[in-house]
């Protein structure tokens, strides 16, 4: 996923963001899933 795919809602989180990390989208269509 590209960095454009992320929306940082809390600016304090921006410094924790790792642009080299990989995120896999496992499933879509859930209202809530863990």
C-alpha atoms as a PDB file:
ATOM      1  CA  UNK A   1       0.000   0.000   0.000  1.00  0.00           C
ATOM      2  CA  UNK A   2       1.293   3.448  -0.840  1.00  0.00           C
ATOM      3  CA  UNK A   3       1.517   6.252   1.692  1.00  0.00           C
ATOM      4  CA  UNK A   4      -1.443   7.886  -0.072  1.00  0.00           C
ATOM      5  CA  UNK A   5      -3.575   4.978   1.187  1.00  0.00           C
ATOM      6  CA  UNK A   6      -3.177   6.118   4.788  1.00  0.00           C
ATOM      7  CA  UNK A   7      -5.010   8.902   6.544  1.00  0.00           C
ATOM      8  CA  UNK A   8      -3.385  10.079   9.776  1.00  0.00           C
ATOM      9  CA  UNK A   9      -6.143  11.448  12.003  1.00  0.00           C
ATOM     10  CA  UNK A  10      -3.954  12.256  15.009  1.00  0.00           C
ATOM     11  CA  UNK A  11      -0.822  14.259  14.115  1.00  0.00           C
ATOM     12  CA  UNK A  12       1.026  12.660  17.060  1.00  0.00           C
ATOM     13  CA  UNK A  13       0.915   9.390  15.104  1.00  0.00           C
ATOM     14  CA  UNK A  14       2.820  10.815  12.119  1.00  0.00           C
ATOM     15  CA  UNK A  15       6.223  10.378  13.790  1.00  0.00           C
ATOM     16  CA  UNK A  16       5.447   6.684  14.407  1.00  0.00           C
ATOM     17  CA  UNK A  17       4.582   5.966  10.795  1.00  0.00           C
ATOM     18  CA  UNK A  18       7.036   3.633   9.064  1.00  0.00           C
ATOM     19  CA  UNK A  19       6.853   4.154   5.318  1.00  0.00           C
ATOM     20  CA  UNK A  20       8.945   0.996   4.730  1.00  0.00           C
ATOM     21  CA  UNK A  21       6.477  -1.284   6.513  1.00  0.00           C
ATOM     22  CA  UNK A  22       4.185  -3.511   4.489  1.00  0.00           C
ATOM     23  CA  UNK A  23       0.473  -3.807   5.219  1.00  0.00           C
ATOM     24  CA  UNK A  24      -1.613  -6.571   3.686  1.00  0.00           C
ATOM     25  CA  UNK A  25      -5.331  -6.061   3.165  1.00  0.00           C
ATOM     26  CA  UNK A  26      -6.830  -9.389   4.233  1.00  0.00           C
ATOM     27  CA  UNK A  27     -10.548  -8.702   3.880  1.00  0.00           C
ATOM     28  CA  UNK A  28     -12.941  -5.866   3.086  1.00  0.00           C
ATOM     29  CA  UNK A  29     -16.633  -5.429   3.755  1.00  0.00           C
ATOM     30  CA  UNK A  30     -16.686  -5.811   7.546  1.00  0.00           C
ATOM     31  CA  UNK A  31     -18.063  -3.190   9.855  1.00  0.00           C
ATOM     32  CA  UNK A  32     -15.665  -4.387  12.562  1.00  0.00           C
ATOM     33  CA  UNK A  33     -13.103  -7.178  12.515  1.00  0.00           C
ATOM     34  CA  UNK A  34     -10.034  -8.079  14.524  1.00  0.00           C
END
